[in-house]
PDB file of N, CA and C in Angstrom:
ATOM      1  N   MET A   1      73.777  95.440 103.136  1.00  0.00           N
ATOM      2  CA  MET A   1      73.825  96.739 102.521  1.00  0.00           C
ATOM      3  C   MET A   1      75.122  97.431 102.983  1.00  0.00           C
ATOM      4  N   VAL A   2      75.792  98.128 102.039  1.00  0.00           N
ATOM      5  CA  VAL A   2      77.023  98.812 102.354  1.00  0.00           C
ATOM      6  C   VAL A   2      76.722 100.205 102.830  1.00  0.00           C
ATOM      7  N   ASP A   3      77.326 100.563 103.951  1.00  0.00           N
ATOM      8  CA  ASP A   3      77.180 101.902 104.491  1.00  0.00           C
ATOM      9  C   ASP A   3      78.202 102.812 103.775  1.00  0.00           C
ATOM     10  N   ILE A   4      77.701 103.754 102.998  1.00  0.00           N
ATOM     11  CA  ILE A   4      78.591 104.594 102.178  1.00  0.00           C
ATOM     12  C   ILE A   4      79.542 105.398 103.031  1.00  0.00           C
ATOM     13  N   ALA A   5      79.052 105.962 104.140  1.00  0.00           N
ATOM     14  CA  ALA A   5      79.914 106.764 105.010  1.00  0.00           C
ATOM     15  C   ALA A   5      81.014 105.884 105.576  1.00  0.00           C
ATOM     16  N   GLU A   6      80.679 104.682 105.974  1.00  0.00           N
ATOM     17  CA  GLU A   6      81.670 103.747 106.514  1.00  0.00           C
ATOM     18  C   GLU A   6      82.696 103.371 105.451  1.00  0.00           C
ATOM     19  N   SER A   7      82.188 103.152 104.247  1.00  0.00           N
ATOM     20  CA  SER A   7      83.077 102.805 103.126  1.00  0.00           C
ATOM     21  C   SER A   7      84.051 103.936 102.852  1.00  0.00           C
ATOM     22  N   GLU A   8      83.557 105.176 102.824  1.00  0.00           N
ATOM     23  CA  GLU A   8      84.436 106.335 102.568  1.00  0.00           C
ATOM     24  C   GLU A   8      85.428 106.519 103.671  1.00  0.00           C
ATOM     25  N   THR A   9      85.032 106.291 104.937  1.00  0.00           N
ATOM     26  CA  THR A   9      85.945 106.382 106.047  1.00  0.00           C
ATOM     27  C   THR A   9      87.052 105.349 105.923  1.00  0.00           C
ATOM     28  N   LYS A  10      86.703 104.139 105.504  1.00  0.00           N
ATOM     29  CA  LYS A  10      87.740 103.117 105.316  1.00  0.00           C
ATOM     30  C   LYS A  10      88.700 103.521 104.216  1.00  0.00           C
ATOM     31  N   MET A  11      88.169 104.093 103.139  1.00  0.00           N
ATOM     32  CA  MET A  11      89.034 104.526 102.032  1.00  0.00           C
ATOM     33  C   MET A  11      89.999 105.600 102.511  1.00  0.00           C
ATOM     34  N   THR A  12      89.506 106.518 103.366  1.00  0.00           N
ATOM     35  CA  THR A  12      90.362 107.581 103.886  1.00  0.00           C
ATOM     36  C   THR A  12      91.401 107.005 104.824  1.00  0.00           C
ATOM     37  N   ALA A  13      90.978 106.071 105.683  1.00  0.00           N
ATOM     38  CA  ALA A  13      91.872 105.473 106.629  1.00  0.00           C
ATOM     39  C   ALA A  13      92.986 104.672 105.920  1.00  0.00           C
ATOM     40  N   LYS A  14      92.667 104.084 104.815  1.00  0.00           N
ATOM     41  CA  LYS A  14      93.662 103.320 104.031  1.00  0.00           C
ATOM     42  C   LYS A  14      94.603 104.236 103.259  1.00  0.00           C
ATOM     43  N   GLY A  15      94.267 105.517 103.181  1.00  0.00           N
ATOM     44  CA  GLY A  15      95.113 106.429 102.457  1.00  0.00           C
ATOM     45  C   GLY A  15      94.870 106.454 100.977  1.00  0.00           C
ATOM     46  N   THR A  16      93.806 105.880 100.476  1.00  0.00           N
ATOM     47  CA  THR A  16      93.525 105.874  99.059  1.00  0.00           C
ATOM     48  C   THR A  16      92.904 107.220  98.653  1.00  0.00           C
ATOM     49  N   GLN A  17      92.365 107.933  99.606  1.00  0.00           N
ATOM     50  CA  GLN A  17      91.821 109.288  99.355  1.00  0.00           C
ATOM     51  C   GLN A  17      92.600 110.244 100.209  1.00  0.00           C
ATOM     52  N   THR A  18      93.213 111.226  99.605  1.00  0.00           N
ATOM     53  CA  THR A  18      94.036 112.170 100.356  1.00  0.00           C
ATOM     54  C   THR A  18      93.596 113.580 100.115  1.00  0.00           C
ATOM     55  N   ASN A  19      94.147 114.484 100.874  1.00  0.00           N
ATOM     56  CA  ASN A  19      93.871 115.895 100.719  1.00  0.00           C
ATOM     57  C   ASN A  19      95.158 116.583 100.290  1.00  0.00           C
ATOM     58  N   PRO A  20      95.566 116.417  99.032  1.00  0.00           N
ATOM     59  CA  PRO A  20      96.811 116.973  98.571  1.00  0.00           C
ATOM     60  C   PRO A  20      96.782 118.485  98.425  1.00  0.00           C
ATOM     61  N   ILE A  21      97.935 119.083  98.290  1.00  0.00           N
ATOM     62  CA  ILE A  21      98.034 120.500  98.042  1.00  0.00           C
ATOM     63  C   ILE A  21      97.818 120.717  96.561  1.00  0.00           C
ATOM     64  N   LEU A  22      96.816 121.533  96.257  1.00  0.00           N
ATOM     65  CA  LEU A  22      96.522 121.896  94.867  1.00  0.00           C
ATOM     66  C   LEU A  22      96.769 123.393  94.636  1.00  0.00           C
ATOM     67  N   SER A  23      97.219 123.723  93.471  1.00  0.00           N
ATOM     68  CA  SER A  23      97.472 125.143  93.166  1.00  0.00           C
ATOM     69  C   SER A  23      96.107 125.846  92.984  1.00  0.00           C
ATOM     70  N   ASP A  24      96.171 127.172  93.005  1.00  0.00           N
ATOM     71  CA  ASP A  24      94.949 127.955  92.789  1.00  0.00           C
ATOM     72  C   ASP A  24      94.334 127.637  91.416  1.00  0.00           C
ATOM     73  N   ARG A  25      95.211 127.468  90.404  1.00  0.00           N
ATOM     74  CA  ARG A  25      94.711 127.167  89.045  1.00  0.00           C
ATOM     75  C   ARG A  25      94.033 125.783  89.037  1.00  0.00           C
ATOM     76  N   GLU A  26      94.606 124.805  89.721  1.00  0.00           N
ATOM     77  CA  GLU A  26      94.036 123.496  89.760  1.00  0.00           C
ATOM     78  C   GLU A  26      92.663 123.523  90.483  1.00  0.00           C
ATOM     79  N   LEU A  27      92.546 124.349  91.491  1.00  0.00           N
ATOM     80  CA  LEU A  27      91.250 124.481  92.166  1.00  0.00           C
ATOM     81  C   LEU A  27      90.259 125.145  91.230  1.00  0.00           C
ATOM     82  N   GLN A  28      90.670 126.106  90.443  1.00  0.00           N
ATOM     83  CA  GLN A  28      89.773 126.736  89.444  1.00  0.00           C
ATOM     84  C   GLN A  28      89.280 125.681  88.459  1.00  0.00           C
ATOM     85  N   VAL A  29      90.196 124.855  87.985  1.00  0.00           N
ATOM     86  CA  VAL A  29      89.832 123.813  87.025  1.00  0.00           C
ATOM     87  C   VAL A  29      88.830 122.846  87.654  1.00  0.00           C
ATOM     88  N   ILE A  30      89.081 122.451  88.887  1.00  0.00           N
ATOM     89  CA  ILE A  30      88.119 121.524  89.552  1.00  0.00           C
ATOM     90  C   ILE A  30      86.747 122.160  89.618  1.00  0.00           C
ATOM     91  N   GLU A  31      86.680 123.405  89.974  1.00  0.00           N
ATOM     92  CA  GLU A  31      85.363 124.110  90.076  1.00  0.00           C
ATOM     93  C   GLU A  31      84.647 124.066  88.735  1.00  0.00           C
ATOM     94  N   LEU A  32      85.372 124.265  87.660  1.00  0.00           N
ATOM     95  CA  LEU A  32      84.765 124.291  86.319  1.00  0.00           C
ATOM     96  C   LEU A  32      84.376 122.889  85.864  1.00  0.00           C
ATOM     97  N   VAL A  33      85.155 121.903  86.245  1.00  0.00           N
ATOM     98  CA  VAL A  33      84.792 120.496  85.963  1.00  0.00           C
ATOM     99  C   VAL A  33      83.483 120.186  86.717  1.00  0.00           C
ATOM    100  N   ALA A  34      83.406 120.611  87.981  1.00  0.00           N
ATOM    101  CA  ALA A  34      82.179 120.363  88.769  1.00  0.00           C
ATOM    102  C   ALA A  34      80.958 121.043  88.196  1.00  0.00           C
ATOM    103  N   LEU A  35      81.153 122.129  87.453  1.00  0.00           N
ATOM    104  CA  LEU A  35      80.038 122.819  86.787  1.00  0.00           C
ATOM    105  C   LEU A  35      79.620 122.098  85.509  1.00  0.00           C
ATOM    106  N   GLY A  36      80.430 121.110  85.087  1.00  0.00           N
ATOM    107  CA  GLY A  36      80.079 120.331  83.887  1.00  0.00           C
ATOM    108  C   GLY A  36      80.714 120.821  82.620  1.00  0.00           C
ATOM    109  N   LEU A  37      81.704 121.713  82.720  1.00  0.00           N
ATOM    110  CA  LEU A  37      82.327 122.249  81.517  1.00  0.00           C
ATOM    111  C   LEU A  37      83.269 121.204  80.909  1.00  0.00           C
ATOM    112  N   THR A  38      83.388 121.218  79.597  1.00  0.00           N
ATOM    113  CA  THR A  38      84.354 120.383  78.914  1.00  0.00           C
ATOM    114  C   THR A  38      85.743 121.027  79.035  1.00  0.00           C
ATOM    115  N   ASN A  39      86.751 120.241  78.690  1.00  0.00           N
ATOM    116  CA  ASN A  39      88.102 120.833  78.738  1.00  0.00           C
ATOM    117  C   ASN A  39      88.213 122.004  77.776  1.00  0.00           C
ATOM    118  N   GLN A  40      87.570 121.939  76.620  1.00  0.00           N
ATOM    119  CA  GLN A  40      87.601 123.062  75.689  1.00  0.00           C
ATOM    120  C   GLN A  40      86.923 124.299  76.295  1.00  0.00           C
ATOM    121  N   ASP A  41      85.790 124.085  76.937  1.00  0.00           N
ATOM    122  CA  ASP A  41      85.053 125.215  77.592  1.00  0.00           C
ATOM    123  C   ASP A  41      85.912 125.814  78.699  1.00  0.00           C
ATOM    124  N   ILE A  42      86.603 124.956  79.469  1.00  0.00           N
ATOM    125  CA  ILE A  42      87.447 125.434  80.538  1.00  0.00           C
ATOM    126  C   ILE A  42      88.580 126.271  79.976  1.00  0.00           C
ATOM    127  N   ALA A  43      89.178 125.808  78.870  1.00  0.00           N
ATOM    128  CA  ALA A  43      90.252 126.529  78.219  1.00  0.00           C
ATOM    129  C   ALA A  43      89.809 127.944  77.827  1.00  0.00           C
ATOM    130  N   VAL A  44      88.627 128.019  77.214  1.00  0.00           N
ATOM    131  CA  VAL A  44      88.099 129.291  76.805  1.00  0.00           C
ATOM    132  C   VAL A  44      87.886 130.200  78.017  1.00  0.00           C
ATOM    133  N   ARG A  45      87.239 129.626  79.037  1.00  0.00           N
ATOM    134  CA  ARG A  45      86.914 130.421  80.253  1.00  0.00           C
ATOM    135  C   ARG A  45      88.199 130.957  80.918  1.00  0.00           C
ATOM    136  N   LEU A  46      89.258 130.130  80.983  1.00  0.00           N
ATOM    137  CA  LEU A  46      90.484 130.522  81.665  1.00  0.00           C
ATOM    138  C   LEU A  46      91.509 131.165  80.750  1.00  0.00           C
ATOM    139  N   GLU A  47      91.146 131.240  79.460  1.00  0.00           N
ATOM    140  CA  GLU A  47      92.032 131.861  78.470  1.00  0.00           C
ATOM    141  C   GLU A  47      93.397 131.158  78.405  1.00  0.00           C
ATOM    142  N   ILE A  48      93.344 129.812  78.354  1.00  0.00           N
ATOM    143  CA  ILE A  48      94.524 128.984  78.226  1.00  0.00           C
ATOM    144  C   ILE A  48      94.212 127.949  77.157  1.00  0.00           C
ATOM    145  N   SER A  49      95.230 127.172  76.727  1.00  0.00           N
ATOM    146  CA  SER A  49      95.000 126.217  75.679  1.00  0.00           C
ATOM    147  C   SER A  49      94.314 124.982  76.249  1.00  0.00           C
ATOM    148  N   LYS A  50      93.648 124.248  75.377  1.00  0.00           N
ATOM    149  CA  LYS A  50      92.995 122.983  75.791  1.00  0.00           C
ATOM    150  C   LYS A  50      94.033 122.000  76.289  1.00  0.00           C
ATOM    151  N   ARG A  51      95.196 122.009  75.637  1.00  0.00           N
ATOM    152  CA  ARG A  51      96.273 121.106  76.068  1.00  0.00           C
ATOM    153  C   ARG A  51      96.706 121.389  77.493  1.00  0.00           C
ATOM    154  N   THR A  52      96.754 122.688  77.881  1.00  0.00           N
ATOM    155  CA  THR A  52      97.090 123.046  79.226  1.00  0.00           C
ATOM    156  C   THR A  52      96.026 122.528  80.198  1.00  0.00           C
ATOM    157  N   VAL A  53      94.752 122.639  79.817  1.00  0.00           N
ATOM    158  CA  VAL A  53      93.672 122.140  80.647  1.00  0.00           C
ATOM    159  C   VAL A  53      93.818 120.612  80.757  1.00  0.00           C
ATOM    160  N   ASP A  54      94.100 119.912  79.654  1.00  0.00           N
ATOM    161  CA  ASP A  54      94.299 118.481  79.716  1.00  0.00           C
ATOM    162  C   ASP A  54      95.403 118.130  80.719  1.00  0.00           C
ATOM    163  N   ASN A  55      96.493 118.901  80.693  1.00  0.00           N
ATOM    164  CA  ASN A  55      97.594 118.638  81.608  1.00  0.00           C
ATOM    165  C   ASN A  55      97.177 118.886  83.065  1.00  0.00           C
ATOM    166  N   HIS A  56      96.432 119.959  83.277  1.00  0.00           N
ATOM    167  CA  HIS A  56      95.938 120.249  84.642  1.00  0.00           C
ATOM    168  C   HIS A  56      95.064 119.099  85.139  1.00  0.00           C
ATOM    169  N   ILE A  57      94.119 118.661  84.295  1.00  0.00           N
ATOM    170  CA  ILE A  57      93.233 117.575  84.671  1.00  0.00           C
ATOM    171  C   ILE A  57      94.027 116.323  85.021  1.00  0.00           C
ATOM    172  N   SER A  58      94.996 115.968  84.193  1.00  0.00           N
ATOM    173  CA  SER A  58      95.823 114.820  84.438  1.00  0.00           C
ATOM    174  C   SER A  58      96.559 114.913  85.759  1.00  0.00           C
ATOM    175  N   ASN A  59      97.150 116.093  86.018  1.00  0.00           N
ATOM    176  CA  ASN A  59      97.878 116.303  87.277  1.00  0.00           C
ATOM    177  C   ASN A  59      96.925 116.206  88.475  1.00  0.00           C
ATOM    178  N   ILE A  60      95.718 116.805  88.337  1.00  0.00           N
ATOM    179  CA  ILE A  60      94.764 116.806  89.436  1.00  0.00           C
ATOM    180  C   ILE A  60      94.317 115.374  89.715  1.00  0.00           C
ATOM    181  N   LEU A  61      94.017 114.612  88.683  1.00  0.00           N
ATOM    182  CA  LEU A  61      93.586 113.223  88.867  1.00  0.00           C
ATOM    183  C   LEU A  61      94.673 112.432  89.573  1.00  0.00           C
ATOM    184  N   HIS A  62      95.935 112.676  89.210  1.00  0.00           N
ATOM    185  CA  HIS A  62      97.034 111.945  89.842  1.00  0.00           C
ATOM    186  C   HIS A  62      97.168 112.366  91.317  1.00  0.00           C
ATOM    187  N   LYS A  63      97.162 113.672  91.569  1.00  0.00           N
ATOM    188  CA  LYS A  63      97.316 114.164  92.933  1.00  0.00           C
ATOM    189  C   LYS A  63      96.195 113.683  93.865  1.00  0.00           C
ATOM    190  N   THR A  64      94.966 113.635  93.326  1.00  0.00           N
ATOM    191  CA  THR A  64      93.826 113.257  94.137  1.00  0.00           C
ATOM    192  C   THR A  64      93.546 111.764  94.130  1.00  0.00           C
ATOM    193  N   LYS A  65      94.336 111.039  93.339  1.00  0.00           N
ATOM    194  CA  LYS A  65      94.177 109.590  93.235  1.00  0.00           C
ATOM    195  C   LYS A  65      92.768 109.191  92.818  1.00  0.00           C
ATOM    196  N   THR A  66      92.248 110.005  91.878  1.00  0.00           N
ATOM    197  CA  THR A  66      90.941 109.700  91.291  1.00  0.00           C
ATOM    198  C   THR A  66      91.122 109.236  89.852  1.00  0.00           C
ATOM    199  N   ASP A  67      90.142 108.512  89.323  1.00  0.00           N
ATOM    200  CA  ASP A  67      90.266 107.910  88.003  1.00  0.00           C
ATOM    201  C   ASP A  67      89.582 108.661  86.878  1.00  0.00           C
ATOM    202  N   ASN A  68      88.623 109.509  87.212  1.00  0.00           N
ATOM    203  CA  ASN A  68      87.819 110.183  86.208  1.00  0.00           C
ATOM    204  C   ASN A  68      87.183 111.416  86.786  1.00  0.00           C
ATOM    205  N   ARG A  69      86.491 112.158  85.930  1.00  0.00           N
ATOM    206  CA  ARG A  69      85.871 113.427  86.337  1.00  0.00           C
ATOM    207  C   ARG A  69      84.811 113.242  87.423  1.00  0.00           C
ATOM    208  N   VAL A  70      84.049 112.200  87.342  1.00  0.00           N
ATOM    209  CA  VAL A  70      83.011 111.959  88.339  1.00  0.00           C
ATOM    210  C   VAL A  70      83.618 111.731  89.728  1.00  0.00           C
ATOM    211  N   SER A  71      84.624 110.854  89.771  1.00  0.00           N
ATOM    212  CA  SER A  71      85.268 110.579  91.056  1.00  0.00           C
ATOM    213  C   SER A  71      86.029 111.839  91.548  1.00  0.00           C
ATOM    214  N   LEU A  72      86.510 112.649  90.608  1.00  0.00           N
ATOM    215  CA  LEU A  72      87.179 113.895  91.010  1.00  0.00           C
ATOM    216  C   LEU A  72      86.173 114.843  91.697  1.00  0.00           C
ATOM    217  N   VAL A  73      85.003 114.972  91.102  1.00  0.00           N
ATOM    218  CA  VAL A  73      83.985 115.855  91.685  1.00  0.00           C
ATOM    219  C   VAL A  73      83.553 115.320  93.029  1.00  0.00           C
ATOM    220  N   ARG A  74      83.366 114.013  93.161  1.00  0.00           N
ATOM    221  CA  ARG A  74      83.029 113.417  94.455  1.00  0.00           C
ATOM    222  C   ARG A  74      84.101 113.708  95.488  1.00  0.00           C
ATOM    223  N   TRP A  75      85.381 113.591  95.083  1.00  0.00           N
ATOM    224  CA  TRP A  75      86.489 113.884  95.950  1.00  0.00           C
ATOM    225  C   TRP A  75      86.450 115.368  96.387  1.00  0.00           C
ATOM    226  N   ALA A  76      86.220 116.240  95.430  1.00  0.00           N
ATOM    227  CA  ALA A  76      86.198 117.676  95.716  1.00  0.00           C
ATOM    228  C   ALA A  76      85.073 118.044  96.635  1.00  0.00           C
ATOM    229  N   LEU A  77      83.934 117.394  96.508  1.00  0.00           N
ATOM    230  CA  LEU A  77      82.816 117.648  97.435  1.00  0.00           C
ATOM    231  C   LEU A  77      83.171 117.145  98.819  1.00  0.00           C
ATOM    232  N   GLN A  78      83.744 115.959  98.881  1.00  0.00           N
ATOM    233  CA  GLN A  78      84.114 115.351 100.175  1.00  0.00           C
ATOM    234  C   GLN A  78      85.085 116.222 100.944  1.00  0.00           C
ATOM    235  N   TRP A  79      86.067 116.817 100.248  1.00  0.00           N
ATOM    236  CA  TRP A  79      87.107 117.606 100.883  1.00  0.00           C
ATOM    237  C   TRP A  79      86.776 119.101 100.893  1.00  0.00           C
ATOM    238  N   GLY A  80      85.572 119.487 100.509  1.00  0.00           N
ATOM    239  CA  GLY A  80      85.174 120.889 100.587  1.00  0.00           C
ATOM    240  C   GLY A  80      85.877 121.767  99.606  1.00  0.00           C
ATOM    241  N   LYS A  81      86.265 121.267  98.451  1.00  0.00           N
ATOM    242  CA  LYS A  81      86.936 122.051  97.432  1.00  0.00           C
ATOM    243  C   LYS A  81      86.025 122.733  96.500  1.00  0.00           C
ATOM    244  N   VAL A  82      84.776 122.285  96.422  1.00  0.00           N
ATOM    245  CA  VAL A  82      83.783 122.885  95.505  1.00  0.00           C
ATOM    246  C   VAL A  82      82.477 123.042  96.262  1.00  0.00           C
ATOM    247  N   CYS A  83      81.624 123.882  95.673  1.00  0.00           N
ATOM    248  CA  CYS A  83      80.252 124.135  96.157  1.00  0.00           C
ATOM    249  C   CYS A  83      79.345 123.999  94.965  1.00  0.00           C
ATOM    250  N   LEU A  84      78.383 123.086  95.038  1.00  0.00           N
ATOM    251  CA  LEU A  84      77.440 122.864  93.951  1.00  0.00           C
ATOM    252  C   LEU A  84      76.048 123.227  94.372  1.00  0.00           C
ATOM    253  N   ASP A  85      75.412 124.155  93.673  1.00  0.00           N
ATOM    254  CA  ASP A  85      74.038 124.519  93.964  1.00  0.00           C
ATOM    255  C   ASP A  85      73.797 124.754  95.434  1.00  0.00           C
ATOM    256  N   ARG A  86      74.715 125.461  96.046  1.00  0.00           N
ATOM    257  CA  ARG A  86      74.622 125.805  97.497  1.00  0.00           C
ATOM    258  C   ARG A  86      74.688 124.593  98.422  1.00  0.00           C
ATOM    259  N   VAL A  87      75.158 123.459  97.884  1.00  0.00           N
ATOM    260  CA  VAL A  87      75.372 122.256  98.688  1.00  0.00           C
ATOM    261  C   VAL A  87      76.865 122.137  98.925  1.00  0.00           C
ATOM    262  N   ASN A  88      77.217 121.902 100.172  1.00  0.00           N
ATOM    263  CA  ASN A  88      78.628 121.750 100.553  1.00  0.00           C
ATOM    264  C   ASN A  88      79.391 123.032 100.385  1.00  0.00           C
ATOM    265  N   CYS A  89      78.709 124.177 100.579  1.00  0.00           N
ATOM    266  CA  CYS A  89      79.389 125.451 100.388  1.00  0.00           C
ATOM    267  C   CYS A  89      80.298 125.788 101.542  1.00  0.00           C
ATOM    268  N   CYS A  90      81.429 126.273 101.190  1.00  0.00           N
ATOM    269  CA  CYS A  90      82.391 126.699 102.205  1.00  0.00           C
ATOM    270  C   CYS A  90      83.033 127.991 101.747  1.00  0.00           C
ATOM    271  N   VAL A  91      83.500 128.755 102.675  1.00  0.00           N
ATOM    272  CA  VAL A  91      84.160 129.997 102.334  1.00  0.00           C
ATOM    273  C   VAL A  91      85.642 129.673 102.173  1.00  0.00           C
ATOM    274  N   LEU A  92      86.116 129.910 100.939  1.00  0.00           N
ATOM    275  CA  LEU A  92      87.547 129.661 100.688  1.00  0.00           C
ATOM    276  C   LEU A  92      88.347 130.878 101.098  1.00  0.00           C
ATOM    277  N   PRO A  93      89.541 130.624 101.616  1.00  0.00           N
ATOM    278  CA  PRO A  93      90.368 131.766 102.030  1.00  0.00           C
ATOM    279  C   PRO A  93      90.752 132.631 100.867  1.00  0.00           C
ATOM    280  N   VAL A  94      90.772 133.906 101.089  1.00  0.00           N
ATOM    281  CA  VAL A  94      91.176 134.876 100.045  1.00  0.00           C
ATOM    282  C   VAL A  94      92.657 135.132 100.223  1.00  0.00           C
ATOM    283  N   PRO A  95      93.458 134.939  99.153  1.00  0.00           N
ATOM    284  CA  PRO A  95      94.918 135.189  99.289  1.00  0.00           C
ATOM    285  C   PRO A  95      95.181 136.596  99.711  1.00  0.00           C
ATOM    286  N   GLU A  96      96.141 136.755 100.651  1.00  0.00           N
ATOM    287  CA  GLU A  96      96.519 138.084 101.113  1.00  0.00           C
ATOM    288  C   GLU A  96      97.325 138.748 100.053  1.00  0.00           C
ATOM    289  N   GLN A  97      97.107 140.049  99.857  1.00  0.00           N
ATOM    290  CA  GLN A  97      97.843 140.799  98.889  1.00  0.00           C
ATOM    291  C   GLN A  97      98.839 141.685  99.621  1.00  0.00           C
ATOM    292  N   ASN A  98     100.038 141.728  99.109  1.00  0.00           N
ATOM    293  CA  ASN A  98     101.086 142.558  99.723  1.00  0.00           C
ATOM    294  C   ASN A  98     100.710 144.036  99.536  1.00  0.00           C
ATOM    295  N   ALA A  99     100.845 144.792 100.591  1.00  0.00           N
ATOM    296  CA  ALA A  99     100.508 146.221 100.539  1.00  0.00           C
ATOM    297  C   ALA A  99     101.638 147.027  99.983  1.00  0.00           C
TER     298      ALA A  99
END
């Protein structure tokens, strides 16, 4: 039987899973993907074009070295980038505003 935690640790140690720097917009897109929204729904919610969402998703998949939306959400949960149904919840830093 394969130990999932051990398997994920090996993937991290090999560098196949990383914690890249993502923009605030990319983090918003990941949160909406994790909620199950389609690219069109994300576009409407963020008031941007679907093509822009497609580009964000492509960039995010490349940066996170994930192949699809499911593996992206798994990555986001592992690295504490999303909170689903009060599971894996973390307090994200609030950007400081210049006074």
